[in-house]
N, C-alpha and C. Protein backbone atom coordinates (compact mmCIF):
# COMPACT_ATOMS: atom_id res chain seq x y z
N MET A 1 10.66 -9.27 10.27
CA MET A 1 11.80 -10.07 9.92
C MET A 1 11.65 -10.64 8.49
N ARG A 2 10.39 -10.86 8.07
CA ARG A 2 10.19 -11.40 6.71
C ARG A 2 10.64 -10.42 5.64
N ARG A 3 10.52 -9.14 5.90
CA ARG A 3 10.93 -8.15 4.91
C ARG A 3 12.45 -8.03 4.80
N PHE A 4 13.15 -8.46 5.82
CA PHE A 4 14.60 -8.32 5.84
C PHE A 4 15.27 -9.66 6.17
N PRO A 5 15.13 -10.64 5.30
CA PRO A 5 15.72 -11.95 5.60
C PRO A 5 17.25 -11.84 5.71
N GLY A 6 17.77 -12.52 6.70
CA GLY A 6 19.21 -12.55 6.89
C GLY A 6 19.75 -11.38 7.70
N ARG A 7 18.90 -10.43 8.06
CA ARG A 7 19.37 -9.28 8.84
C ARG A 7 19.20 -9.58 10.33
N THR A 8 20.10 -9.04 11.12
CA THR A 8 20.01 -9.23 12.57
C THR A 8 19.16 -8.13 13.17
N LEU A 9 18.72 -8.36 14.39
CA LEU A 9 17.94 -7.34 15.09
C LEU A 9 18.76 -6.07 15.28
N GLU A 10 20.04 -6.22 15.52
CA GLU A 10 20.91 -5.05 15.68
C GLU A 10 20.95 -4.22 14.40
N GLU A 11 20.97 -4.88 13.25
CA GLU A 11 20.95 -4.16 11.97
C GLU A 11 19.62 -3.45 11.78
N LEU A 12 18.54 -4.12 12.16
CA LEU A 12 17.21 -3.53 11.99
C LEU A 12 16.98 -2.35 12.93
N ASP A 13 17.68 -2.34 14.06
CA ASP A 13 17.57 -1.20 14.98
C ASP A 13 18.05 0.09 14.33
N GLN A 14 18.85 -0.01 13.29
CA GLN A 14 19.44 1.16 12.66
C GLN A 14 18.59 1.75 11.54
N ILE A 15 17.47 1.11 11.19
CA ILE A 15 16.68 1.62 10.06
C ILE A 15 15.90 2.87 10.48
N ASP A 16 15.60 3.70 9.50
CA ASP A 16 14.80 4.90 9.70
C ASP A 16 13.34 4.45 9.65
N ILE A 17 12.70 4.37 10.81
CA ILE A 17 11.36 3.80 10.90
C ILE A 17 10.33 4.64 10.15
N GLY A 18 10.48 5.95 10.18
CA GLY A 18 9.54 6.81 9.45
C GLY A 18 9.61 6.56 7.96
N ARG A 19 10.80 6.47 7.45
CA ARG A 19 10.99 6.21 6.01
C ARG A 19 10.46 4.84 5.65
N PHE A 20 10.72 3.86 6.50
CA PHE A 20 10.24 2.51 6.26
C PHE A 20 8.71 2.47 6.23
N MET A 21 8.05 3.14 7.18
CA MET A 21 6.60 3.13 7.24
C MET A 21 5.99 3.84 6.02
N ARG A 22 6.62 4.89 5.53
CA ARG A 22 6.14 5.55 4.31
C ARG A 22 6.26 4.61 3.12
N ALA A 23 7.34 3.85 3.06
CA ALA A 23 7.53 2.89 1.97
C ALA A 23 6.48 1.79 2.04
N VAL A 24 6.15 1.32 3.23
CA VAL A 24 5.12 0.29 3.40
C VAL A 24 3.76 0.83 2.96
N GLN A 25 3.44 2.07 3.33
CA GLN A 25 2.17 2.67 2.92
C GLN A 25 2.10 2.82 1.41
N ALA A 26 3.20 3.23 0.79
CA ALA A 26 3.23 3.37 -0.67
C ALA A 26 3.03 2.00 -1.33
N GLU A 27 3.63 0.98 -0.75
CA GLU A 27 3.47 -0.38 -1.27
C GLU A 27 2.01 -0.82 -1.18
N ARG A 28 1.35 -0.53 -0.06
CA ARG A 28 -0.07 -0.88 0.11
C ARG A 28 -0.93 -0.15 -0.93
N MET A 29 -0.67 1.13 -1.12
CA MET A 29 -1.47 1.89 -2.07
C MET A 29 -1.26 1.38 -3.48
N GLU A 30 -0.05 1.02 -3.80
CA GLU A 30 0.23 0.46 -5.13
C GLU A 30 -0.57 -0.83 -5.33
N SER A 31 -0.63 -1.65 -4.31
CA SER A 31 -1.39 -2.90 -4.37
C SER A 31 -2.88 -2.62 -4.58
N VAL A 32 -3.42 -1.65 -3.84
CA VAL A 32 -4.83 -1.29 -3.98
C VAL A 32 -5.10 -0.76 -5.39
N GLU A 33 -4.20 0.06 -5.91
CA GLU A 33 -4.38 0.60 -7.26
C GLU A 33 -4.37 -0.52 -8.31
N GLU A 34 -3.53 -1.53 -8.12
CA GLU A 34 -3.51 -2.66 -9.04
C GLU A 34 -4.84 -3.41 -8.98
N ARG A 35 -5.37 -3.60 -7.76
CA ARG A 35 -6.66 -4.27 -7.61
C ARG A 35 -7.78 -3.44 -8.23
N ARG A 36 -7.69 -2.11 -8.12
CA ARG A 36 -8.68 -1.24 -8.72
C ARG A 36 -8.68 -1.37 -10.24
N LYS A 37 -7.49 -1.41 -10.83
CA LYS A 37 -7.38 -1.59 -12.29
C LYS A 37 -8.03 -2.91 -12.71
N ALA A 38 -7.77 -3.96 -11.93
CA ALA A 38 -8.37 -5.26 -12.23
C ALA A 38 -9.90 -5.18 -12.11
N TYR A 39 -10.38 -4.45 -11.11
CA TYR A 39 -11.82 -4.27 -10.92
C TYR A 39 -12.43 -3.55 -12.12
N LEU A 40 -11.75 -2.51 -12.59
CA LEU A 40 -12.28 -1.76 -13.73
C LEU A 40 -12.32 -2.61 -15.00
N LYS A 41 -11.41 -3.56 -15.12
CA LYS A 41 -11.41 -4.47 -16.27
C LYS A 41 -12.55 -5.48 -16.17
N ASP A 42 -12.76 -6.00 -14.97
CA ASP A 42 -13.77 -7.04 -14.78
C ASP A 42 -14.30 -6.98 -13.35
N SER A 43 -15.33 -6.20 -13.14
CA SER A 43 -15.85 -5.99 -11.79
C SER A 43 -16.46 -7.26 -11.19
N LYS A 44 -16.82 -8.21 -12.03
CA LYS A 44 -17.39 -9.45 -11.50
C LYS A 44 -16.30 -10.38 -10.95
N ALA A 45 -15.10 -10.29 -11.49
CA ALA A 45 -14.01 -11.16 -11.06
C ALA A 45 -13.26 -10.59 -9.85
N THR A 46 -13.25 -9.28 -9.71
CA THR A 46 -12.47 -8.64 -8.65
C THR A 46 -13.39 -7.83 -7.75
N LYS A 47 -13.39 -8.15 -6.48
CA LYS A 47 -14.18 -7.41 -5.49
C LYS A 47 -13.22 -6.62 -4.61
N LEU A 48 -13.59 -5.38 -4.31
CA LEU A 48 -12.79 -4.54 -3.43
C LEU A 48 -13.53 -4.37 -2.11
N THR A 49 -12.77 -4.34 -1.03
CA THR A 49 -13.38 -4.16 0.29
C THR A 49 -13.70 -2.69 0.51
N ASP A 50 -14.51 -2.43 1.53
CA ASP A 50 -14.83 -1.04 1.87
C ASP A 50 -13.56 -0.27 2.22
N ALA A 51 -12.64 -0.92 2.92
CA ALA A 51 -11.38 -0.26 3.29
C ALA A 51 -10.57 0.10 2.05
N GLU A 52 -10.57 -0.77 1.06
CA GLU A 52 -9.86 -0.47 -0.18
C GLU A 52 -10.49 0.70 -0.92
N TRP A 53 -11.82 0.75 -0.94
CA TRP A 53 -12.50 1.88 -1.58
C TRP A 53 -12.19 3.18 -0.84
N GLU A 54 -12.10 3.12 0.48
CA GLU A 54 -11.73 4.31 1.26
C GLU A 54 -10.33 4.77 0.91
N GLN A 55 -9.40 3.83 0.76
CA GLN A 55 -8.04 4.19 0.38
C GLN A 55 -8.01 4.79 -1.02
N ILE A 56 -8.79 4.25 -1.93
CA ILE A 56 -8.85 4.78 -3.29
C ILE A 56 -9.39 6.21 -3.26
N ASP A 57 -10.44 6.43 -2.49
CA ASP A 57 -11.02 7.77 -2.38
C ASP A 57 -9.99 8.74 -1.79
N TYR A 58 -9.30 8.33 -0.75
CA TYR A 58 -8.28 9.17 -0.12
C TYR A 58 -7.18 9.51 -1.12
N HIS A 59 -6.73 8.52 -1.85
CA HIS A 59 -5.67 8.73 -2.83
C HIS A 59 -6.12 9.69 -3.92
N GLU A 60 -7.34 9.55 -4.40
CA GLU A 60 -7.86 10.45 -5.43
C GLU A 60 -7.96 11.88 -4.91
N ARG A 61 -8.35 12.04 -3.64
CA ARG A 61 -8.41 13.38 -3.06
C ARG A 61 -7.03 13.99 -2.96
N LEU A 62 -6.04 13.19 -2.59
CA LEU A 62 -4.66 13.68 -2.54
C LEU A 62 -4.19 14.17 -3.90
N LEU A 63 -4.48 13.37 -4.91
CA LEU A 63 -4.03 13.72 -6.26
C LEU A 63 -4.76 14.94 -6.82
N SER A 64 -6.00 15.16 -6.41
CA SER A 64 -6.77 16.30 -6.92
C SER A 64 -6.48 17.57 -6.14
N GLY A 65 -5.78 17.45 -5.02
CA GLY A 65 -5.44 18.63 -4.22
C GLY A 65 -6.50 19.05 -3.23
N GLU A 66 -7.48 18.20 -2.99
CA GLU A 66 -8.54 18.53 -2.02
C GLU A 66 -8.04 18.43 -0.60
């Protein structure tokens, strides 16, 4: 409900859940990539979790075609 303020449950029933979930995953990856850039600038100020490193590795494999 936080993502869709002012929308009713009936309106939300009509969304394409697959498309929505892909958009949420893309949003998460974008956030991780921003944190990675911050880490590369200053590794002492920004710490990444193991899960974030796994996502970065997965994303790099996707981009390299592995």
